């Protein structure tokens, strides 16, 4: 399985692998998507990190 990455890794930083699942959900007209806005104003796709016994499904 290939691990997808976004951006470039900084060789001076030690990264922690945290498997996660996110999705893109469209409305019935397929002209809008669902997003989550956090309390600090940032936006994310629905989803998140996998807990111990969770699967990607």
PDB file of N, CA and C in Angstrom:
ATOM      1  N   UNK A   1       0.844  -1.187   0.000  1.00  0.00           N
ATOM      2  CA  UNK A   1       0.000   0.000   0.000  1.00  0.00           C
ATOM      3  C   UNK A   1       0.880   1.238   0.000  1.00  0.00           C
ATOM      4  N   UNK A   2       0.616   2.164  -0.910  1.00  0.00           N
ATOM      5  CA  UNK A   2       1.353   3.417  -0.959  1.00  0.00           C
ATOM      6  C   UNK A   2       0.832   4.365   0.098  1.00  0.00           C
ATOM      7  N   UNK A   3       1.725   5.064   0.765  1.00  0.00           N
ATOM      8  CA  UNK A   3       1.333   6.092   1.727  1.00  0.00           C
ATOM      9  C   UNK A   3       1.323   7.423   0.993  1.00  0.00           C
ATOM     10  N   UNK A   4       0.173   8.063   0.956  1.00  0.00           N
ATOM     11  CA  UNK A   4       0.033   9.350   0.281  1.00  0.00           C
ATOM     12  C   UNK A   4       0.521  10.460   1.198  1.00  0.00           C
ATOM     13  N   UNK A   5       1.257  11.390   0.650  1.00  0.00           N
ATOM     14  CA  UNK A   5       1.730  12.533   1.429  1.00  0.00           C
ATOM     15  C   UNK A   5       1.390  13.817   0.692  1.00  0.00           C
ATOM     16  N   UNK A   6       1.243  14.880   1.433  1.00  0.00           N
ATOM     17  CA  UNK A   6       0.943  16.184   0.872  1.00  0.00           C
ATOM     18  C   UNK A   6       2.026  17.140   1.320  1.00  0.00           C
ATOM     19  N   UNK A   7       2.602  17.865   0.397  1.00  0.00           N
ATOM     20  CA  UNK A   7       3.670  18.793   0.732  1.00  0.00           C
ATOM     21  C   UNK A   7       5.009  18.076   0.804  1.00  0.00           C
ATOM     22  N   UNK A   8       5.986  18.757   1.359  1.00  0.00           N
ATOM     23  CA  UNK A   8       7.327  18.196   1.470  1.00  0.00           C
ATOM     24  C   UNK A   8       7.690  18.016   2.942  1.00  0.00           C
ATOM     25  N   UNK A   9       8.358  16.905   3.248  1.00  0.00           N
ATOM     26  CA  UNK A   9       8.783  16.649   4.623  1.00  0.00           C
ATOM     27  C   UNK A   9      10.071  17.413   4.913  1.00  0.00           C
ATOM     28  N   UNK A  10      10.138  17.953   6.123  1.00  0.00           N
ATOM     29  CA  UNK A  10      11.334  18.620   6.607  1.00  0.00           C
ATOM     30  C   UNK A  10      12.205  17.562   7.262  1.00  0.00           C
ATOM     31  N   UNK A  11      13.428  17.383   6.785  1.00  0.00           N
ATOM     32  CA  UNK A  11      14.321  16.332   7.294  1.00  0.00           C
ATOM     33  C   UNK A  11      14.701  16.538   8.765  1.00  0.00           C
ATOM     34  N   UNK A  12      14.535  17.746   9.299  1.00  0.00           N
ATOM     35  CA  UNK A  12      14.904  18.035  10.693  1.00  0.00           C
ATOM     36  C   UNK A  12      13.770  17.752  11.681  1.00  0.00           C
ATOM     37  N   UNK A  13      12.612  17.363  11.179  1.00  0.00           N
ATOM     38  CA  UNK A  13      11.462  17.104  12.042  1.00  0.00           C
ATOM     39  C   UNK A  13      11.187  15.612  12.087  1.00  0.00           C
ATOM     40  N   UNK A  14      10.932  15.081  13.294  1.00  0.00           N
ATOM     41  CA  UNK A  14      10.548  13.682  13.443  1.00  0.00           C
ATOM     42  C   UNK A  14       9.021  13.615  13.415  1.00  0.00           C
ATOM     43  N   UNK A  15       8.475  12.965  12.384  1.00  0.00           N
ATOM     44  CA  UNK A  15       7.037  12.890  12.197  1.00  0.00           C
ATOM     45  C   UNK A  15       6.476  11.622  12.831  1.00  0.00           C
ATOM     46  N   UNK A  16       5.238  11.683  13.290  1.00  0.00           N
ATOM     47  CA  UNK A  16       4.540  10.526  13.840  1.00  0.00           C
ATOM     48  C   UNK A  16       3.489  10.098  12.827  1.00  0.00           C
ATOM     49  N   UNK A  17       3.524   8.826  12.413  1.00  0.00           N
ATOM     50  CA  UNK A  17       2.538   8.310  11.484  1.00  0.00           C
ATOM     51  C   UNK A  17       1.214   8.154  12.213  1.00  0.00           C
ATOM     52  N   UNK A  18       0.182   8.836  11.739  1.00  0.00           N
ATOM     53  CA  UNK A  18      -1.146   8.776  12.363  1.00  0.00           C
ATOM     54  C   UNK A  18      -2.167   8.477  11.272  1.00  0.00           C
ATOM     55  N   UNK A  19      -2.519   7.192  11.086  1.00  0.00           N
ATOM     56  CA  UNK A  19      -3.504   6.851  10.059  1.00  0.00           C
ATOM     57  C   UNK A  19      -4.829   7.574  10.304  1.00  0.00           C
ATOM     58  N   UNK A  20      -5.442   8.024   9.221  1.00  0.00           N
ATOM     59  CA  UNK A  20      -6.697   8.760   9.312  1.00  0.00           C
ATOM     60  C   UNK A  20      -7.520   8.517   8.050  1.00  0.00           C
ATOM     61  N   UNK A  21      -8.793   8.825   8.145  1.00  0.00           N
ATOM     62  CA  UNK A  21      -9.708   8.705   7.011  1.00  0.00           C
ATOM     63  C   UNK A  21     -10.514   9.995   6.921  1.00  0.00           C
ATOM     64  N   UNK A  22     -10.623  10.525   5.720  1.00  0.00           N
ATOM     65  CA  UNK A  22     -11.424  11.719   5.459  1.00  0.00           C
ATOM     66  C   UNK A  22     -12.277  11.466   4.232  1.00  0.00           C
ATOM     67  N   UNK A  23     -13.327  12.242   4.062  1.00  0.00           N
ATOM     68  CA  UNK A  23     -14.181  12.025   2.892  1.00  0.00           C
ATOM     69  C   UNK A  23     -14.620  13.354   2.308  1.00  0.00           C
ATOM     70  N   UNK A  24     -15.054  13.287   1.060  1.00  0.00           N
ATOM     71  CA  UNK A  24     -15.683  14.420   0.386  1.00  0.00           C
ATOM     72  C   UNK A  24     -17.122  14.017   0.158  1.00  0.00           C
ATOM     73  N   UNK A  25     -18.052  14.749   0.772  1.00  0.00           N
ATOM     74  CA  UNK A  25     -19.485  14.445   0.650  1.00  0.00           C
ATOM     75  C   UNK A  25     -20.158  15.582  -0.113  1.00  0.00           C
ATOM     76  N   UNK A  26     -20.819  15.216  -1.215  1.00  0.00           N
ATOM     77  CA  UNK A  26     -21.522  16.187  -2.050  1.00  0.00           C
ATOM     78  C   UNK A  26     -23.010  16.207  -1.708  1.00  0.00           C
ATOM     79  N   UNK A  27     -23.651  17.349  -1.953  1.00  0.00           N
ATOM     80  CA  UNK A  27     -25.109  17.395  -1.850  1.00  0.00           C
ATOM     81  C   UNK A  27     -25.696  16.747  -3.112  1.00  0.00           C
ATOM     82  N   UNK A  28     -27.015  16.633  -3.194  1.00  0.00           N
ATOM     83  CA  UNK A  28     -27.635  15.920  -4.316  1.00  0.00           C
ATOM     84  C   UNK A  28     -27.412  16.616  -5.656  1.00  0.00           C
ATOM     85  N   UNK A  29     -27.208  17.937  -5.654  1.00  0.00           N
ATOM     86  CA  UNK A  29     -26.934  18.654  -6.913  1.00  0.00           C
ATOM     87  C   UNK A  29     -25.450  18.606  -7.290  1.00  0.00           C
ATOM     88  N   UNK A  30     -24.638  18.095  -6.379  1.00  0.00           N
ATOM     89  CA  UNK A  30     -23.182  17.991  -6.568  1.00  0.00           C
ATOM     90  C   UNK A  30     -22.531  19.340  -6.855  1.00  0.00           C
ATOM     91  N   UNK A  31     -23.048  20.392  -6.195  1.00  0.00           N
ATOM     92  CA  UNK A  31     -22.430  21.705  -6.340  1.00  0.00           C
ATOM     93  C   UNK A  31     -21.904  22.257  -5.012  1.00  0.00           C
ATOM     94  N   UNK A  32     -22.031  21.447  -3.933  1.00  0.00           N
ATOM     95  CA  UNK A  32     -21.519  21.831  -2.620  1.00  0.00           C
ATOM     96  C   UNK A  32     -20.934  20.602  -1.943  1.00  0.00           C
ATOM     97  N   UNK A  33     -19.958  20.844  -1.039  1.00  0.00           N
ATOM     98  CA  UNK A  33     -19.405  19.750  -0.246  1.00  0.00           C
ATOM     99  C   UNK A  33     -19.560  20.067   1.237  1.00  0.00           C
ATOM    100  N   UNK A  34     -19.531  19.025   2.063  1.00  0.00           N
ATOM    101  CA  UNK A  34     -19.605  19.195   3.514  1.00  0.00           C
ATOM    102  C   UNK A  34     -18.208  19.494   4.052  1.00  0.00           C
ATOM    103  N   UNK A  35     -18.107  20.516   4.904  1.00  0.00           N
ATOM    104  CA  UNK A  35     -16.857  20.816   5.598  1.00  0.00           C
ATOM    105  C   UNK A  35     -17.168  21.093   7.067  1.00  0.00           C
ATOM    106  N   UNK A  36     -16.146  20.969   7.895  1.00  0.00           N
ATOM    107  CA  UNK A  36     -16.266  21.203   9.333  1.00  0.00           C
ATOM    108  C   UNK A  36     -15.471  22.462   9.668  1.00  0.00           C
ATOM    109  N   UNK A  37     -16.088  23.398  10.400  1.00  0.00           N
ATOM    110  CA  UNK A  37     -15.362  24.571  10.875  1.00  0.00           C
ATOM    111  C   UNK A  37     -15.116  24.408  12.365  1.00  0.00           C
ATOM    112  N   UNK A  38     -13.847  24.511  12.772  1.00  0.00           N
ATOM    113  CA  UNK A  38     -13.490  24.368  14.176  1.00  0.00           C
ATOM    114  C   UNK A  38     -13.699  25.684  14.925  1.00  0.00           C
ATOM    115  N   UNK A  39     -13.574  25.631  16.223  1.00  0.00           N
ATOM    116  CA  UNK A  39     -13.784  26.824  17.049  1.00  0.00           C
ATOM    117  C   UNK A  39     -12.765  27.924  16.759  1.00  0.00           C
ATOM    118  N   UNK A  40     -11.596  27.570  16.193  1.00  0.00           N
ATOM    119  CA  UNK A  40     -10.603  28.594  15.860  1.00  0.00           C
ATOM    120  C   UNK A  40     -10.741  29.096  14.422  1.00  0.00           C
ATOM    121  N   UNK A  41     -11.826  28.685  13.729  1.00  0.00           N
ATOM    122  CA  UNK A  41     -12.108  29.206  12.401  1.00  0.00           C
ATOM    123  C   UNK A  41     -11.518  28.434  11.240  1.00  0.00           C
ATOM    124  N   UNK A  42     -10.762  27.369  11.507  1.00  0.00           N
ATOM    125  CA  UNK A  42     -10.174  26.575  10.420  1.00  0.00           C
ATOM    126  C   UNK A  42     -11.213  25.601   9.870  1.00  0.00           C
ATOM    127  N   UNK A  43     -11.028  25.201   8.617  1.00  0.00           N
ATOM    128  CA  UNK A  43     -11.950  24.286   7.954  1.00  0.00           C
ATOM    129  C   UNK A  43     -11.272  22.968   7.636  1.00  0.00           C
ATOM    130  N   UNK A  44     -12.014  21.857   7.767  1.00  0.00           N
ATOM    131  CA  UNK A  44     -11.501  20.523   7.492  1.00  0.00           C
ATOM    132  C   UNK A  44     -12.577  19.688   6.824  1.00  0.00           C
ATOM    133  N   UNK A  45     -12.163  18.622   6.156  1.00  0.00           N
ATOM    134  CA  UNK A  45     -13.104  17.637   5.642  1.00  0.00           C
ATOM    135  C   UNK A  45     -13.587  16.772   6.801  1.00  0.00           C
ATOM    136  N   UNK A  46     -14.793  16.197   6.706  1.00  0.00           N
ATOM    137  CA  UNK A  46     -15.261  15.271   7.743  1.00  0.00           C
ATOM    138  C   UNK A  46     -14.329  14.054   7.819  1.00  0.00           C
ATOM    139  N   UNK A  47     -14.047  13.630   9.012  1.00  0.00           N
ATOM    140  CA  UNK A  47     -13.177  12.466   9.206  1.00  0.00           C
ATOM    141  C   UNK A  47     -12.278  12.671  10.395  1.00  0.00           C
ATOM    142  N   UNK A  48     -11.206  11.907  10.433  1.00  0.00           N
ATOM    143  CA  UNK A  48     -10.257  12.060  11.523  1.00  0.00           C
ATOM    144  C   UNK A  48      -9.375  10.847  11.699  1.00  0.00           C
ATOM    145  N   UNK A  49      -8.584  10.882  12.744  1.00  0.00           N
ATOM    146  CA  UNK A  49      -7.641   9.808  13.031  1.00  0.00           C
ATOM    147  C   UNK A  49      -8.339   8.529  13.447  1.00  0.00           C
ATOM    148  N   UNK A  50      -7.708   7.400  13.127  1.00  0.00           N
ATOM    149  CA  UNK A  50      -8.264   6.098  13.503  1.00  0.00           C
ATOM    150  C   UNK A  50      -7.890   5.774  14.934  1.00  0.00           C
ATOM    151  N   UNK A  51      -8.852   5.300  15.702  1.00  0.00           N
ATOM    152  CA  UNK A  51      -8.611   4.835  17.061  1.00  0.00           C
ATOM    153  C   UNK A  51      -8.112   3.394  17.012  1.00  0.00           C
ATOM    154  N   UNK A  52      -7.738   2.825  18.148  1.00  0.00           N
ATOM    155  CA  UNK A  52      -7.093   1.509  18.218  1.00  0.00           C
ATOM    156  C   UNK A  52      -7.779   0.397  17.430  1.00  0.00           C
ATOM    157  N   UNK A  53      -9.072   0.207  17.592  1.00  0.00           N
ATOM    158  CA  UNK A  53      -9.757  -0.925  16.948  1.00  0.00           C
ATOM    159  C   UNK A  53     -10.586  -0.522  15.741  1.00  0.00           C
ATOM    160  N   UNK A  54     -10.417   0.681  15.224  1.00  0.00           N
ATOM    161  CA  UNK A  54     -11.196   1.116  14.072  1.00  0.00           C
ATOM    162  C   UNK A  54     -10.530   0.679  12.769  1.00  0.00           C
ATOM    163  N   UNK A  55     -11.370   0.479  11.748  1.00  0.00           N
ATOM    164  CA  UNK A  55     -10.860   0.209  10.410  1.00  0.00           C
ATOM    165  C   UNK A  55     -11.105   1.433   9.542  1.00  0.00           C
ATOM    166  N   UNK A  56     -10.540   1.450   8.339  1.00  0.00           N
ATOM    167  CA  UNK A  56     -10.786   2.553   7.412  1.00  0.00           C
ATOM    168  C   UNK A  56     -12.267   2.643   7.048  1.00  0.00           C
ATOM    169  N   UNK A  57     -12.924   1.510   6.975  1.00  0.00           N
ATOM    170  CA  UNK A  57     -14.361   1.509   6.637  1.00  0.00           C
ATOM    171  C   UNK A  57     -15.155   2.175   7.738  1.00  0.00           C
TER     172      UNK A  57
END
